[in-house]
Protein backbone atom coordinates (compact mmCIF):
# COMPACT_ATOMS: atom_id res chain seq x y z
CA MET A 1 78.17 92.16 105.02
CA SER A 2 81.96 92.59 105.96
CA LYS A 3 84.19 95.70 105.84
CA ILE A 4 88.10 95.78 105.14
CA LEU A 5 90.10 98.71 105.86
CA LEU A 6 93.44 98.58 104.15
CA ILE A 7 96.37 101.62 105.00
CA ASN A 8 100.00 101.63 104.80
CA THR A 9 101.24 102.77 108.06
CA ASN A 10 104.84 103.29 107.36
CA ARG A 11 106.07 101.35 110.37
CA SER A 12 104.41 104.37 112.48
CA LEU A 13 102.99 103.36 115.58
CA LEU A 14 100.83 106.81 115.81
CA SER A 15 99.36 105.73 112.40
CA CYS A 16 98.68 102.35 113.49
CA ASP A 17 96.95 103.71 116.32
CA LEU A 18 94.74 106.07 114.21
CA SER A 19 94.12 103.16 111.74
CA THR A 20 92.60 101.32 114.44
CA GLU A 21 90.69 103.79 115.93
CA ILE A 22 89.36 104.59 112.43
CA ALA A 23 88.54 101.16 112.02
CA THR A 24 86.77 100.83 115.56
CA ARG A 25 84.74 104.17 114.99
CA GLY A 26 83.67 103.21 111.45
CA ASN A 27 82.47 99.89 112.75
CA TYR A 28 84.86 97.70 110.36
CA ASN A 29 85.61 93.92 110.61
CA PHE A 30 89.19 93.75 109.68
CA LEU A 31 92.34 96.11 109.40
CA VAL A 32 94.92 95.22 106.72
CA ALA A 33 98.08 97.07 107.41
CA THR A 34 101.35 97.01 104.95
CA GLU A 35 104.40 98.07 106.69
CA PRO A 36 102.77 97.65 110.22
CA ASN A 37 104.57 98.90 113.62
CA VAL A 38 106.58 96.10 114.98
CA ASN A 39 105.54 97.17 118.43
CA SER A 40 101.76 97.15 117.59
CA VAL A 41 101.82 94.06 115.87
CA ALA A 42 103.74 92.35 118.57
CA ARG A 43 101.02 93.42 121.51
CA GLY A 44 98.24 93.22 119.24
CA GLN A 45 95.89 90.50 117.72
CA TRP A 46 97.31 90.83 114.38
CA VAL A 47 97.93 87.91 111.81
CA PRO A 48 101.54 88.66 109.98
CA ASP A 49 103.29 87.61 107.15
CA ARG A 50 106.74 85.91 107.63
CA ASN A 51 108.53 88.91 107.51
CA GLY A 52 106.30 91.65 109.12
CA ASP A 53 105.39 93.56 105.78
CA VAL A 54 101.78 93.33 105.85
CA ALA A 55 99.56 92.13 109.06
CA ILE A 56 96.10 91.44 109.20
CA ARG A 57 93.72 92.43 112.25
CA GLY A 58 89.95 91.52 113.41
CA ILE A 59 88.23 94.75 114.67
CA VAL A 60 84.81 94.44 115.21
CA GLY A 61 82.24 91.51 115.02
CA ASN A 62 82.08 88.28 116.24
CA ILE A 63 83.64 86.46 112.83
CA ASP A 64 85.40 83.58 112.90
CA TYR A 65 88.57 83.53 110.68
CA ASN A 66 91.55 81.16 110.15
CA LEU A 67 94.85 81.66 108.64
CA TYR A 68 94.84 80.16 105.26
CA TYR A 69 98.08 81.48 103.61
CA ARG A 70 101.43 82.95 104.89
CA ASP A 71 104.66 84.03 102.98
CA GLU A 72 107.04 86.28 102.68
CA GLY A 73 104.65 89.64 101.88
CA ILE A 74 101.51 87.83 101.70
CA VAL A 75 99.24 86.86 104.29
CA GLY A 76 95.57 85.43 103.91
CA ILE A 77 92.94 84.37 106.22
CA GLU A 78 89.93 82.33 105.26
CA LEU A 79 86.47 83.95 105.87
CA ARG A 80 83.70 81.61 105.39
CA ASP A 81 84.10 80.73 101.61
CA ILE A 82 86.66 84.28 101.04
CA VAL A 83 90.37 84.62 101.46
CA ILE A 84 91.27 87.90 102.23
CA THR A 85 94.52 88.78 101.76
CA GLY A 86 97.05 91.16 102.38
CA VAL A 87 100.01 92.04 100.20
CA TYR A 88 102.82 94.43 100.30
CA ILE A 89 106.06 94.60 97.77
CA SER A 90 108.89 97.37 98.42
CA PRO A 91 109.43 99.65 95.87
CA ASN A 92 113.17 99.27 96.22
CA CYS A 93 113.31 95.32 95.21
CA ALA A 94 114.44 94.47 91.97
CA LEU A 95 112.03 93.49 89.06
CA GLU A 96 112.86 89.97 89.13
CA PHE A 97 111.86 89.98 93.15
CA TYR A 98 108.69 91.40 92.02
CA GLN A 99 107.91 88.96 89.76
CA HIS A 100 108.55 85.85 92.04
CA ARG A 101 106.71 87.53 94.51
CA ILE A 102 103.47 88.23 91.92
CA PHE A 103 104.25 84.44 91.25
CA ASN A 104 103.52 83.56 94.78
CA LEU A 105 100.24 85.52 94.85
CA GLN A 106 99.09 83.75 91.42
CA VAL A 107 99.44 80.22 93.12
CA MET A 108 97.33 81.32 96.33
CA MET A 109 94.68 82.99 94.04
CA ARG A 110 94.52 79.52 92.06
CA SER A 111 93.30 77.45 95.06
CA ARG A 112 89.38 76.49 95.21
CA LYS A 113 88.46 79.52 97.36
CA ARG A 114 87.51 83.05 96.08
CA ALA A 115 89.95 85.64 97.00
CA ILE A 116 89.98 89.57 97.67
CA VAL A 117 93.73 91.13 97.41
CA VAL A 118 94.33 94.11 99.06
CA GLY A 119 97.41 95.82 99.43
CA ASP A 120 100.45 98.03 98.51
CA PHE A 121 101.77 96.79 95.47
CA ASN A 122 104.08 99.79 94.45
CA CYS A 123 103.02 99.83 90.75
CA ARG A 124 101.64 102.01 88.09
CA THR A 125 99.08 100.42 86.33
CA ALA A 126 96.39 101.38 83.72
CA LEU A 127 93.52 99.21 85.04
CA ALA A 128 93.62 101.07 88.07
CA GLY A 129 93.17 104.05 86.43
CA ALA A 130 96.66 105.60 86.06
CA ALA A 131 97.81 107.19 83.05
CA SER A 132 99.90 104.55 81.68
CA SER A 133 101.68 101.25 83.29
CA ASN A 134 105.07 100.81 84.14
CA ALA A 135 107.27 97.16 83.89
CA ARG A 136 105.83 96.66 87.33
CA GLY A 137 102.19 97.16 86.38
CA ARG A 138 102.56 95.33 83.20
CA ILE A 139 103.86 92.04 85.53
CA LEU A 140 100.43 92.62 87.59
CA GLU A 141 98.27 93.13 84.56
CA ASP A 142 99.79 89.55 83.55
CA LEU A 143 98.65 88.33 86.54
CA LEU A 144 95.19 89.50 86.34
CA GLU A 145 94.95 88.06 82.99
CA VAL A 146 95.61 84.80 83.58
CA THR A 147 93.72 84.50 86.65
CA GLY A 148 90.74 86.45 85.37
CA ALA A 149 91.07 88.71 88.47
CA ILE A 150 89.59 92.07 88.55
CA CYS A 151 91.10 95.32 89.74
CA VAL A 152 88.24 97.42 91.38
CA ASN A 153 89.98 100.85 91.87
CA ASP A 154 88.09 103.35 90.49
CA GLY A 155 91.03 105.89 89.84
CA ALA A 156 91.04 107.90 93.15
CA ALA A 157 94.66 108.54 94.39
CA THR A 158 95.77 106.56 97.58
CA TYR A 159 99.16 108.08 98.10
CA SER A 160 100.17 111.98 98.06
CA ALA A 161 103.52 113.63 99.21
CA ARG A 162 105.28 116.69 98.54
CA GLY A 163 102.66 117.06 95.87
CA HIS A 164 102.95 114.31 93.98
CA GLU A 165 99.80 111.66 93.75
CA SER A 166 99.46 108.06 92.64
CA ILE A 167 97.35 104.77 93.00
CA ILE A 168 99.43 102.26 94.31
CA ASP A 169 97.17 100.68 96.97
CA LEU A 170 94.92 98.34 95.06
CA VAL A 171 92.07 95.88 95.36
CA ILE A 172 91.91 92.66 93.48
CA ILE A 173 88.88 90.12 93.42
CA ASP A 174 88.54 86.69 92.14
CA SER A 175 86.88 86.21 88.67
CA THR A 176 84.26 83.88 90.84
CA ILE A 177 83.40 87.10 92.87
CA CYS A 178 80.57 89.48 91.62
CA ILE A 179 81.79 92.97 91.39
CA ASP A 180 78.35 94.27 92.07
CA THR A 181 79.06 92.78 95.40
CA ILE A 182 82.24 95.05 96.19
CA ASP A 183 82.08 98.69 97.08
CA PHE A 184 85.54 100.67 96.89
CA SER A 185 86.06 104.22 98.26
CA VAL A 186 89.21 106.55 99.60
CA LEU A 187 88.55 107.84 103.02
CA ASN A 188 89.10 111.53 103.75
CA GLU A 189 90.58 110.59 107.10
CA GLU A 190 93.91 111.50 109.01
CA THR A 191 96.16 108.23 109.11
CA GLY A 192 99.10 109.75 110.15
CA SER A 193 100.95 108.38 106.94
CA ASP A 194 101.39 109.57 103.54
CA HIS A 195 98.79 106.90 102.31
CA LYS A 196 95.06 107.19 102.58
CA ALA A 197 92.54 104.69 104.30
CA VAL A 198 91.09 102.58 101.66
CA LEU A 199 87.81 101.00 102.41
CA ILE A 200 86.44 97.93 100.74
CA THR A 201 82.82 96.74 101.29
CA ILE A 202 81.53 93.20 100.57
CA ARG A 203 78.23 92.70 100.31
CA ASP A 204 76.28 89.46 100.72
CA HIS A 205 74.03 90.08 97.65
CA PRO A 206 74.79 92.17 94.03
CA SER A 207 72.80 95.49 93.48
CA ARG A 208 69.07 95.75 93.72
CA VAL A 209 67.32 95.96 90.06
CA MET A 210 65.76 98.99 90.80
CA GLN A 211 68.07 101.61 92.02
CA ILE A 212 66.53 104.22 95.10
CA ASN A 213 68.97 106.94 96.09
CA ILE A 214 69.28 107.34 99.64
CA ASN A 215 71.08 109.11 102.34
CA HIS A 216 71.93 106.61 104.56
CA ARG A 217 72.52 102.72 104.81
CA LEU A 218 69.71 100.67 106.34
CA THR A 219 69.80 97.82 108.75
CA ASP A 220 67.79 94.40 108.26
CA TYR A 221 65.10 95.63 110.77
CA GLN A 222 64.64 98.88 108.86
CA ILE A 223 64.45 97.21 105.30
CA HIS A 224 61.80 94.51 106.76
CA ARG A 225 59.79 97.77 108.23
CA VAL A 226 60.03 99.51 104.91
CA THR A 227 58.69 96.48 103.24
CA ARG A 228 55.96 95.90 105.14
CA GLU A 229 54.53 99.59 105.49
CA ALA A 230 55.09 100.19 101.67
CA ALA A 231 53.28 96.78 100.81
CA ASN A 232 50.40 97.85 103.07
CA LYS A 233 50.02 101.28 101.27
CA ILE A 234 50.43 99.59 97.63
CA MET A 235 47.76 97.04 98.21
CA SER A 236 45.63 100.08 99.48
CA CYS A 237 46.04 101.89 96.01
CA ALA A 238 44.08 101.17 92.91
CA ARG A 239 46.35 101.48 90.62
CA ILE A 240 50.33 102.24 90.81
CA ASP A 241 53.00 103.13 88.47
CA LEU A 242 56.92 103.04 88.79
CA GLU A 243 56.91 106.61 90.03
CA MET A 244 54.47 106.27 92.68
CA PHE A 245 56.09 102.90 93.97
CA LYS A 246 59.45 104.75 94.44
CA ASN A 247 57.74 107.77 96.01
CA ILE A 248 56.08 105.35 98.88
CA ILE A 249 59.61 103.61 99.26
CA LYS A 250 61.25 107.14 99.93
CA ASP A 251 58.88 108.01 102.22
CA GLU A 252 58.90 105.16 104.43
CA ILE A 253 62.74 105.50 104.20
CA ALA A 254 62.21 109.08 105.56
CA ASN A 255 60.03 107.88 108.42
CA ILE A 256 62.58 105.89 109.84
CA PRO A 257 63.88 107.30 113.19
CA LYS A 258 67.73 107.97 113.20
CA ASN A 259 69.82 105.27 114.75
CA THR A 260 71.56 106.96 117.56
CA ASN A 261 73.63 103.82 118.45
CA ARG A 262 77.19 104.05 117.56
CA HIS A 263 80.22 102.16 118.26
CA HIS A 264 82.19 103.10 121.29
CA PRO A 265 85.82 104.39 120.24
CA VAL A 266 89.08 103.09 121.55
CA TYR A 267 89.37 103.03 125.13
CA TRP A 268 92.08 105.64 125.29
CA TRP A 269 90.35 108.42 122.81
CA SER A 270 89.57 111.50 124.44
CA SER A 271 88.56 114.95 123.63
CA ASP A 272 91.90 116.28 123.86
CA ILE A 273 93.14 113.72 121.33
CA GLU A 274 90.24 114.65 118.79
CA ASP A 275 91.24 118.48 118.80
CA GLN A 276 94.90 117.57 118.66
CA ARG A 277 93.87 115.48 115.57
CA ARG A 278 92.13 118.14 113.87
CA ILE A 279 94.82 120.62 114.49
CA MET A 280 97.38 118.22 113.04
CA GLN A 281 95.04 117.67 110.17
CA ARG A 282 94.71 121.13 109.50
CA LYS A 283 98.71 122.08 109.76
CA LYS A 284 99.05 119.14 107.31
CA ARG A 285 96.74 120.30 104.82
CA ILE A 286 98.40 123.97 105.13
CA ALA A 287 101.79 122.52 104.53
CA GLN A 288 100.62 120.19 101.55
CA ARG A 289 99.50 123.69 99.84
CA LEU A 290 102.36 125.38 100.31
CA GLN A 291 104.49 122.77 99.28
CA ALA A 292 102.41 122.47 96.00
CA ARG A 293 103.18 126.28 95.46
CA THR A 294 106.74 127.94 93.80
CA GLY A 295 108.46 130.50 95.58
CA MET A 296 107.17 129.64 99.06
CA GLU A 297 109.96 127.09 100.29
CA GLU A 298 110.35 128.70 103.07
CA GLU A 299 106.83 129.17 104.43
CA GLY A 300 106.46 125.34 103.28
CA ARG A 301 109.48 124.32 105.44
CA LEU A 302 107.99 126.14 108.44
CA ALA A 303 104.54 124.80 107.77
CA ILE A 304 106.10 121.48 107.64
CA GLU A 305 107.63 121.88 111.20
CA GLU A 306 104.83 122.73 112.54
CA TYR A 307 102.85 119.84 111.35
CA ARG A 308 105.65 117.36 112.40
CA ASN A 309 105.53 119.25 116.01
CA ALA A 310 101.72 118.69 116.26
CA ARG A 311 101.84 115.11 115.30
CA LYS A 312 104.81 114.60 118.01
CA LYS A 313 102.12 116.50 120.30
CA LEU A 314 99.34 114.10 119.25
CA ASN A 315 101.66 111.02 119.64
CA PHE A 316 102.43 112.14 123.16
CA LEU A 317 98.93 112.72 123.86
CA ILE A 318 97.64 109.36 122.85
CA LYS A 319 100.94 107.49 124.83
CA GLN A 320 99.80 109.53 128.01
CA SER A 321 95.92 108.51 127.27
CA LYS A 322 97.25 104.91 127.39
CA LYS A 323 99.51 105.02 130.26
CA ARG A 324 96.76 106.91 132.45
CA LYS A 325 94.05 104.26 131.13
CA TRP A 326 96.31 101.41 132.12
CA GLN A 327 96.89 102.89 135.74
CA GLU A 328 93.19 103.21 136.26
CA LEU A 329 92.58 99.73 135.43
CA CYS A 330 95.20 98.70 137.82
CA ASP A 331 93.70 100.79 140.61
CA ASP A 332 90.19 99.32 139.75
CA LEU A 333 91.97 96.02 139.85
CA ASP A 334 93.01 96.72 143.57
CA ALA A 335 89.68 98.47 144.37
CA ASP A 336 87.31 95.61 142.97
CA PRO A 337 88.80 92.55 141.88
CA TRP A 338 85.64 91.62 140.15
CA GLY A 339 85.43 95.14 138.06
CA LYS A 340 86.41 96.51 134.71
CA ALA A 341 89.56 94.46 134.90
CA PHE A 342 87.63 91.11 135.39
CA ARG A 343 85.26 91.60 132.71
CA ILE A 344 88.13 92.35 130.07
CA ILE A 345 90.15 89.37 131.11
CA THR A 346 87.15 87.03 130.65
CA LYS A 347 86.20 88.71 127.16
CA ARG A 348 89.50 88.00 125.64
CA LEU A 349 89.64 84.47 127.46
CA GLY A 350 86.26 83.75 126.18
CA ARG A 351 84.65 82.99 129.72
CA HIS A 352 86.42 79.45 129.87
CA VAL A 353 86.12 78.06 133.10
CA PRO A 354 89.16 75.73 134.30
CA THR A 355 88.03 72.11 135.01
CA LEU A 356 89.17 69.65 137.63
CA SER A 357 89.71 66.37 137.47
CA ASN A 358 87.80 63.69 139.46
CA GLU A 359 90.69 63.02 141.78
CA MET A 360 91.48 66.92 142.20
CA SER A 361 87.46 67.25 142.83
CA ALA A 362 87.52 64.69 145.29
CA GLN A 363 90.43 66.01 147.32
CA GLN A 364 88.86 69.33 147.67
CA VAL A 365 85.67 68.12 149.05
CA ARG A 366 87.44 65.81 151.66
CA ALA A 367 89.40 68.83 152.39
CA LEU A 368 86.27 71.28 152.76
CA PHE A 369 83.90 68.85 154.16
CA PRO A 370 85.88 65.96 156.45
CA ARG A 371 84.02 62.86 157.32
CA GLU A 372 85.66 61.99 160.66
CA GLU A 373 85.00 63.45 163.79
CA SER A 374 87.59 65.77 165.79
CA ALA A 375 88.71 63.98 169.13
CA ASP A 376 88.64 67.25 170.98
CA ARG A 377 85.00 68.21 169.31
CA GLU A 378 82.22 68.23 172.42
CA VAL A 379 79.09 66.09 171.43
CA ILE A 380 76.02 67.40 172.38
CA ARG A 381 72.87 64.87 172.63
CA CYS A 382 69.27 65.32 172.87
CA GLU A 383 67.64 62.95 175.27
CA GLY A 384 63.88 63.15 176.30
CA GLY A 385 63.77 67.01 174.91
CA ARG A 386 66.63 67.91 176.91
CA PHE A 387 70.27 68.34 175.65
CA THR A 388 73.31 66.91 177.88
CA GLN A 389 76.90 67.39 177.09
CA GLN A 390 79.13 64.18 177.11
């Protein structure tokens, strides 16, 4: 099972940092950022398109992926037999340019690989849950009709600004992918952007035949444990019906101990940053509510100013924390060369041990273990149990 987080960061470094923290905390596999920050892409392990309008980054998990397709506004990575593609199309481009970009996407989707396309299409289409479709939306609908692809958006708004909401961040899957293996959800997380974070979950198998509602997801070990214990109880029953079977499964799920093993946050995260993010979220909600009300323009303007100040302070705290952690890492390197800095470098480099050629190895052996005796060395011999010096 793989999880993909989609977010438009509006070229903001703060939004890129918050999106990375959300993906890390949620244990998501990939982060797709449309309009990413240039500096963040330059120093991170991102796979960008040709223009830097969209980029994909691996977050957690030892998942091997390769670059599959790269064009202006389109980038795709190959993950086993699935291609994860990020797309961004500017809202200011002409309709002919929009149609050309959609045609390039159509060429990519006609390959033999199965494709999952996520991105900011800046269009309005009824297939995503909008009330109507505009000219751009109809071009996208033609693409879906030609390729047989499906838009899995459930009508939830992905963009919110000045009291206006719309659905422009879309998720499209190829016709060869079973829709029951895709879960779509819009997260209620503060991203530092006017776009909301979208989570796409790709399951290895479709939904179960019999649905049993539970409040948490199960790991493979927990599923095996529930199956084993439930099977023992079922075999001890003389007669069993469907309702009894469901109750046995639910009882075994309720007896599973809670998993306290959570993924560690990003290295620069702290309690001060967490508190400041809550403050910024509260001020942002207040500003949005006041903007939507008539006759409260002055209060709305002051609330927006307070939200901007809180956002600037959060950005300042993140920068200071990164700077402090970097200095601590440098100090630790001076104190202990084999400490945390060494572990970070070896992890990034894959613990690769440099190799020496046969000639260099022979030179090092001759230098460390010379075979000829030195002229001024004293020789001590043992004769008859006594040592004599010559």
